[in-house]
Structure formats: C-alpha cells, structure tokens
Amino acid sequence: MLNQIRKCLRLIERATVWQGAMVSILVVLTALLEALGIGMIFAFVQVLIEPARIKELVWLKDIVGPIVASNEKSLLTLLVFGLLGVYIAKNATLLGFYYVQARFVAMNEYLLSARLVNSYLRGAYKLHLTRNSAEFIRNITGAITTVFSNVIVGFINLASEIAVIIALSAVMLLV
C-alpha cells in the first residue's frame, strides 16, 4: 500500500505541489473570512439590539472607540459599512478561490492527459495491437476528467468545508 502511494506521489510534479499549496492557503483564507463575516454579524446584531453592548465587545471598542462617544447612529453606520466591506472582501476572495481551483484542476487535467497521450504514442507496438484505440481515447478524455472533477475537486471542497467548520466553531466559542 505504501509503495503504491509513493509511486503515485512520484507522478506529481513540483509545480503541481506548489499550486496545491496555493489552493490550500486560499482554503484557509476563505474559511477565516467566512468566520469573520459571521462573527461580524453576531457583533452587529448585538450592538443593534443594545448599543450599550459596544463596551463589552473589547475588540470592537478598540477599533471604533472615538466614534462611540459621538453618537450611536454614526457607530451603526460604520458597523454596516464594515460588515459590507468584510462580505465584499469575502466574496472577492471566494471568486478568486474558485478561479484558482478551476485553473488548478483544468491545468493538471491537461498535463496528465498530455503525459498519457505521450506514453501511448511512445508505447510498444504490441500495446497498440492488443488494446482497442477506443480504450485509449476513453482513458485520455473520460477517465482523467472523472478523476479530477470527482476526486480532486471533491477533496478540495471537503478540505474547504472542514476549514470553515473549524473556523466557525472557533467563532462560536469566542462569541
């Protein structure tokens, strides 16, 4: 089993590892922004219901300290724009994450297909006599696409959702 895993890991190019690391960083970043957005909603609702509650939210008091003394309306306006800014940043990051994820999957699908075509073309003559060309085409087009769209994208989505759950759990424990 470990020998098979080592063989599979040898197939992965160094550039693919770095791209995977970039996708992983974006997974963590989007999870943190998701948690920040939900945490901001809790803080906003608490301040909206009871404006005196701002004194209990130490992190928010440090950010908007001078505005609290002036009036509550400007504080609520600032909180609304802060919440809007966090959600715009979160959605822009999610857009970038989905772009990077789609590019990562498409590029690696292309590279693996090209390597497979190259190995078929350089294969022994006996290989082409014993196997049907339709099987080669199916492997190049269908199997690789299935592996990447079902396995790789599924794994990235699973990792993303686990990171969001961990970040949201941390927010729930802190709020």
C-alpha atoms as a PDB file:
ATOM      1  CA  MET A   1       0.000   0.000   0.000  1.00  0.00           C
ATOM      2  CA  LEU A   2       2.722   2.488   0.939  1.00  0.00           C
ATOM      3  CA  ASN A   3       4.660   1.511  -2.155  1.00  0.00           C
ATOM      4  CA  GLN A   4       1.660   2.374  -4.345  1.00  0.00           C
ATOM      5  CA  ILE A   5       1.253   5.728  -2.601  1.00  0.00           C
ATOM      6  CA  ARG A   6       4.945   6.509  -3.171  1.00  0.00           C
ATOM      7  CA  LYS A   7       4.578   5.630  -6.858  1.00  0.00           C
ATOM      8  CA  CYS A   8       1.574   7.925  -7.153  1.00  0.00           C
ATOM      9  CA  LEU A   9       3.372  10.761  -5.371  1.00  0.00           C
ATOM     10  CA  ARG A  10       6.295  10.458  -7.801  1.00  0.00           C
ATOM     11  CA  LEU A  11       3.890  11.249 -10.632  1.00  0.00           C
ATOM     12  CA  ILE A  12       3.130  14.662  -9.136  1.00  0.00           C
ATOM     13  CA  GLU A  13       5.336  17.408 -10.495  1.00  0.00           C
ATOM     14  CA  ARG A  14       6.912  20.030  -8.240  1.00  0.00           C
ATOM     15  CA  ALA A  15       4.881  22.855  -9.841  1.00  0.00           C
ATOM     16  CA  THR A  16       1.691  20.956  -9.046  1.00  0.00           C
ATOM     17  CA  VAL A  17       2.717  20.707  -5.393  1.00  0.00           C
ATOM     18  CA  TRP A  18       3.228  24.479  -5.238  1.00  0.00           C
ATOM     19  CA  GLN A  19      -0.128  25.084  -6.915  1.00  0.00           C
ATOM     20  CA  GLY A  20      -1.744  22.725  -4.422  1.00  0.00           C
ATOM     21  CA  ALA A  21      -0.129  24.698  -1.600  1.00  0.00           C
ATOM     22  CA  MET A  22      -1.611  27.896  -3.055  1.00  0.00           C
ATOM     23  CA  VAL A  23      -5.051  26.297  -3.186  1.00  0.00           C
ATOM     24  CA  SER A  24      -4.618  25.172   0.443  1.00  0.00           C
ATOM     25  CA  ILE A  25      -3.701  28.693   1.536  1.00  0.00           C
ATOM     26  CA  LEU A  26      -6.774  30.033  -0.226  1.00  0.00           C
ATOM     27  CA  VAL A  27      -8.911  27.378   1.506  1.00  0.00           C
ATOM     28  CA  VAL A  28      -7.717  28.617   4.910  1.00  0.00           C
ATOM     29  CA  LEU A  29      -8.109  32.268   3.916  1.00  0.00           C
ATOM     30  CA  THR A  30     -11.683  31.795   2.705  1.00  0.00           C
ATOM     31  CA  ALA A  31     -12.548  29.877   5.867  1.00  0.00           C
ATOM     32  CA  LEU A  32     -11.186  32.689   8.031  1.00  0.00           C
ATOM     33  CA  LEU A  33     -13.091  35.306   6.055  1.00  0.00           C
ATOM     34  CA  GLU A  34     -16.254  33.214   6.330  1.00  0.00           C
ATOM     35  CA  ALA A  35     -15.828  33.055  10.106  1.00  0.00           C
ATOM     36  CA  LEU A  36     -15.046  36.774  10.286  1.00  0.00           C
ATOM     37  CA  GLY A  37     -18.223  37.585   8.352  1.00  0.00           C
ATOM     38  CA  ILE A  38     -20.395  35.504  10.647  1.00  0.00           C
ATOM     39  CA  GLY A  39     -18.654  36.899  13.729  1.00  0.00           C
ATOM     40  CA  MET A  40     -19.304  40.414  12.476  1.00  0.00           C
ATOM     41  CA  ILE A  41     -22.993  39.612  12.047  1.00  0.00           C
ATOM     42  CA  PHE A  42     -23.205  38.490  15.688  1.00  0.00           C
ATOM     43  CA  ALA A  43     -21.464  41.670  16.845  1.00  0.00           C
ATOM     44  CA  PHE A  44     -23.651  43.826  14.611  1.00  0.00           C
ATOM     45  CA  VAL A  45     -26.884  42.273  15.883  1.00  0.00           C
ATOM     46  CA  GLN A  46     -25.737  42.643  19.494  1.00  0.00           C
ATOM     47  CA  VAL A  47     -24.923  46.323  19.007  1.00  0.00           C
ATOM     48  CA  LEU A  48     -28.113  46.897  17.008  1.00  0.00           C
ATOM     49  CA  ILE A  49     -30.279  45.443  19.772  1.00  0.00           C
ATOM     50  CA  GLU A  50     -28.423  47.080  22.608  1.00  0.00           C
ATOM     51  CA  PRO A  51     -25.974  49.882  21.664  1.00  0.00           C
ATOM     52  CA  ALA A  52     -24.526  49.956  25.187  1.00  0.00           C
ATOM     53  CA  ARG A  53     -23.184  46.487  24.425  1.00  0.00           C
ATOM     54  CA  ILE A  54     -20.318  48.082  22.485  1.00  0.00           C
ATOM     55  CA  LYS A  55     -18.451  48.466  25.780  1.00  0.00           C
ATOM     56  CA  GLU A  56     -18.460  44.680  26.251  1.00  0.00           C
ATOM     57  CA  LEU A  57     -17.037  43.975  22.793  1.00  0.00           C
ATOM     58  CA  VAL A  58     -13.430  44.880  23.557  1.00  0.00           C
ATOM     59  CA  TRP A  59     -12.055  44.293  20.051  1.00  0.00           C
ATOM     60  CA  LEU A  60     -14.787  46.435  18.503  1.00  0.00           C
ATOM     61  CA  LYS A  61     -14.381  49.141  21.154  1.00  0.00           C
ATOM     62  CA  ASP A  62     -10.699  49.451  20.286  1.00  0.00           C
ATOM     63  CA  ILE A  63     -11.497  49.893  16.597  1.00  0.00           C
ATOM     64  CA  VAL A  64     -14.340  52.409  16.909  1.00  0.00           C
ATOM     65  CA  GLY A  65     -13.506  53.964  20.286  1.00  0.00           C
ATOM     66  CA  PRO A  66     -13.684  57.686  19.356  1.00  0.00           C
ATOM     67  CA  ILE A  67     -16.915  57.246  17.386  1.00  0.00           C
ATOM     68  CA  VAL A  68     -18.758  55.684  20.340  1.00  0.00           C
ATOM     69  CA  ALA A  69     -18.558  58.909  22.261  1.00  0.00           C
ATOM     70  CA  SER A  70     -20.026  60.991  19.419  1.00  0.00           C
ATOM     71  CA  ASN A  71     -23.317  59.215  18.661  1.00  0.00           C
ATOM     72  CA  GLU A  72     -24.845  55.803  18.116  1.00  0.00           C
ATOM     73  CA  LYS A  73     -26.110  56.493  14.607  1.00  0.00           C
ATOM     74  CA  SER A  74     -22.606  57.033  13.246  1.00  0.00           C
ATOM     75  CA  LEU A  75     -21.463  53.883  15.047  1.00  0.00           C
ATOM     76  CA  LEU A  76     -24.196  51.794  13.419  1.00  0.00           C
ATOM     77  CA  THR A  77     -23.399  53.312  10.034  1.00  0.00           C
ATOM     78  CA  LEU A  78     -19.732  52.440  10.497  1.00  0.00           C
ATOM     79  CA  LEU A  79     -20.629  48.879  11.521  1.00  0.00           C
ATOM     80  CA  VAL A  80     -22.864  48.445   8.480  1.00  0.00           C
ATOM     81  CA  PHE A  81     -20.093  49.591   6.139  1.00  0.00           C
ATOM     82  CA  GLY A  82     -17.569  47.404   7.983  1.00  0.00           C
ATOM     83  CA  LEU A  83     -19.849  44.397   7.593  1.00  0.00           C
ATOM     84  CA  LEU A  84     -20.400  45.232   3.936  1.00  0.00           C
ATOM     85  CA  GLY A  85     -16.647  45.554   3.415  1.00  0.00           C
ATOM     86  CA  VAL A  86     -15.988  42.176   5.044  1.00  0.00           C
ATOM     87  CA  TYR A  87     -18.596  40.483   2.836  1.00  0.00           C
ATOM     88  CA  ILE A  88     -17.273  42.146  -0.317  1.00  0.00           C
ATOM     89  CA  ALA A  89     -13.743  41.005   0.578  1.00  0.00           C
ATOM     90  CA  LYS A  90     -15.002  37.502   1.398  1.00  0.00           C
ATOM     91  CA  ASN A  91     -16.897  37.170  -1.878  1.00  0.00           C
ATOM     92  CA  ALA A  92     -13.983  38.557  -3.903  1.00  0.00           C
ATOM     93  CA  THR A  93     -11.694  36.025  -2.214  1.00  0.00           C
ATOM     94  CA  LEU A  94     -14.181  33.229  -2.910  1.00  0.00           C
ATOM     95  CA  LEU A  95     -14.327  34.285  -6.560  1.00  0.00           C
ATOM     96  CA  GLY A  96     -10.542  34.183  -6.718  1.00  0.00           C
ATOM     97  CA  PHE A  97     -10.500  30.827  -4.924  1.00  0.00           C
ATOM     98  CA  TYR A  98     -12.937  29.257  -7.374  1.00  0.00           C
ATOM     99  CA  TYR A  99     -10.938  30.651 -10.293  1.00  0.00           C
ATOM    100  CA  VAL A 100      -7.664  29.249  -8.897  1.00  0.00           C
ATOM    101  CA  GLN A 101      -9.349  25.917  -8.129  1.00  0.00           C
ATOM    102  CA  ALA A 102     -10.801  25.614 -11.644  1.00  0.00           C
ATOM    103  CA  ARG A 103      -7.490  26.606 -13.210  1.00  0.00           C
ATOM    104  CA  PHE A 104      -5.603  24.147 -10.996  1.00  0.00           C
ATOM    105  CA  VAL A 105      -7.909  21.284 -11.948  1.00  0.00           C
ATOM    106  CA  ALA A 106      -8.022  22.142 -15.664  1.00  0.00           C
ATOM    107  CA  MET A 107      -4.265  22.586 -15.945  1.00  0.00           C
ATOM    108  CA  ASN A 108      -3.477  19.355 -14.133  1.00  0.00           C
ATOM    109  CA  GLU A 109      -6.100  17.519 -16.153  1.00  0.00           C
ATOM    110  CA  TYR A 110      -4.449  18.808 -19.320  1.00  0.00           C
ATOM    111  CA  LEU A 111      -0.939  17.896 -18.122  1.00  0.00           C
ATOM    112  CA  LEU A 112      -1.955  14.375 -17.148  1.00  0.00           C
ATOM    113  CA  SER A 113      -3.794  13.887 -20.454  1.00  0.00           C
ATOM    114  CA  ALA A 114      -0.734  15.083 -22.371  1.00  0.00           C
ATOM    115  CA  ARG A 115       1.517  12.722 -20.417  1.00  0.00           C
ATOM    116  CA  LEU A 116      -0.871   9.846 -21.071  1.00  0.00           C
ATOM    117  CA  VAL A 117      -1.030  10.594 -24.813  1.00  0.00           C
ATOM    118  CA  ASN A 118       2.746  10.812 -24.892  1.00  0.00           C
ATOM    119  CA  SER A 119       3.087   7.464 -23.118  1.00  0.00           C
ATOM    120  CA  TYR A 120       0.596   5.881 -25.547  1.00  0.00           C
ATOM    121  CA  LEU A 121       2.463   7.286 -28.546  1.00  0.00           C
ATOM    122  CA  ARG A 122       5.796   6.071 -27.225  1.00  0.00           C
ATOM    123  CA  GLY A 123       4.326   2.715 -26.180  1.00  0.00           C
ATOM    124  CA  ALA A 124       5.386  -0.571 -27.657  1.00  0.00           C
ATOM    125  CA  TYR A 125       3.841  -1.691 -30.913  1.00  0.00           C
ATOM    126  CA  LYS A 126       2.387  -4.730 -29.152  1.00  0.00           C
ATOM    127  CA  LEU A 127       0.417  -2.398 -26.862  1.00  0.00           C
ATOM    128  CA  HIS A 128      -1.431  -0.963 -29.864  1.00  0.00           C
ATOM    129  CA  LEU A 129      -2.129  -4.391 -31.289  1.00  0.00           C
ATOM    130  CA  THR A 130      -3.602  -5.805 -28.088  1.00  0.00           C
ATOM    131  CA  ARG A 131      -5.716  -2.842 -26.982  1.00  0.00           C
ATOM    132  CA  ASN A 132      -8.510  -1.032 -28.745  1.00  0.00           C
ATOM    133  CA  SER A 133      -7.959   2.617 -29.634  1.00  0.00           C
ATOM    134  CA  ALA A 134     -11.352   3.447 -28.091  1.00  0.00           C
ATOM    135  CA  GLU A 135      -9.930   2.423 -24.702  1.00  0.00           C
ATOM    136  CA  PHE A 136      -7.045   4.858 -25.165  1.00  0.00           C
ATOM    137  CA  ILE A 137      -9.445   7.648 -26.053  1.00  0.00           C
ATOM    138  CA  ARG A 138     -11.693   6.835 -23.104  1.00  0.00           C
ATOM    139  CA  ASN A 139      -8.723   6.925 -20.744  1.00  0.00           C
ATOM    140  CA  ILE A 140      -7.462  10.222 -22.125  1.00  0.00           C
ATOM    141  CA  THR A 141     -10.789  12.046 -22.188  1.00  0.00           C
ATOM    142  CA  GLY A 142     -13.215  10.379 -19.818  1.00  0.00           C
ATOM    143  CA  ALA A 143     -11.238   8.766 -17.033  1.00  0.00           C
ATOM    144  CA  ILE A 144      -8.953  11.714 -16.353  1.00  0.00           C
ATOM    145  CA  THR A 145     -11.847  14.163 -16.356  1.00  0.00           C
ATOM    146  CA  THR A 146     -13.787  11.917 -13.983  1.00  0.00           C
ATOM    147  CA  VAL A 147     -10.860  11.591 -11.599  1.00  0.00           C
ATOM    148  CA  PHE A 148     -10.207  15.310 -11.476  1.00  0.00           C
ATOM    149  CA  SER A 149     -13.804  16.511 -11.350  1.00  0.00           C
ATOM    150  CA  ASN A 150     -14.962  13.935  -8.814  1.00  0.00           C
ATOM    151  CA  VAL A 151     -11.925  13.147  -6.700  1.00  0.00           C
ATOM    152  CA  ILE A 152      -9.674  16.207  -6.733  1.00  0.00           C
ATOM    153  CA  VAL A 153     -12.437  18.832  -6.683  1.00  0.00           C
ATOM    154  CA  GLY A 154     -14.297  16.787  -4.080  1.00  0.00           C
ATOM    155  CA  PHE A 155     -11.204  16.643  -1.899  1.00  0.00           C
ATOM    156  CA  ILE A 156     -10.635  20.402  -2.229  1.00  0.00           C
ATOM    157  CA  ASN A 157     -14.286  21.079  -1.338  1.00  0.00           C
ATOM    158  CA  LEU A 158     -14.088  18.703   1.623  1.00  0.00           C
ATOM    159  CA  ALA A 159     -10.959  20.437   2.909  1.00  0.00           C
ATOM    160  CA  SER A 160     -12.626  23.813   2.417  1.00  0.00           C
ATOM    161  CA  GLU A 161     -15.748  22.801   4.324  1.00  0.00           C
ATOM    162  CA  ILE A 162     -13.704  21.296   7.174  1.00  0.00           C
ATOM    163  CA  ALA A 163     -11.711  24.541   7.427  1.00  0.00           C
ATOM    164  CA  VAL A 164     -14.956  26.551   7.518  1.00  0.00           C
ATOM    165  CA  ILE A 165     -16.370  24.287  10.241  1.00  0.00           C
ATOM    166  CA  ILE A 166     -13.225  24.707  12.343  1.00  0.00           C
ATOM    167  CA  ALA A 167     -13.224  28.483  11.871  1.00  0.00           C
ATOM    168  CA  LEU A 168     -16.946  28.775  12.666  1.00  0.00           C
ATOM    169  CA  SER A 169     -16.528  26.593  15.746  1.00  0.00           C
ATOM    170  CA  ALA A 170     -13.788  28.947  16.946  1.00  0.00           C
ATOM    171  CA  VAL A 171     -16.074  31.945  16.360  1.00  0.00           C
ATOM    172  CA  MET A 172     -18.937  30.280  18.240  1.00  0.00           C
ATOM    173  CA  LEU A 173     -16.672  29.553  21.174  1.00  0.00           C
ATOM    174  CA  LEU A 174     -15.404  33.132  21.262  1.00  0.00           C
ATOM    175  CA  VAL A 175     -18.780  34.867  20.852  1.00  0.00           C
END
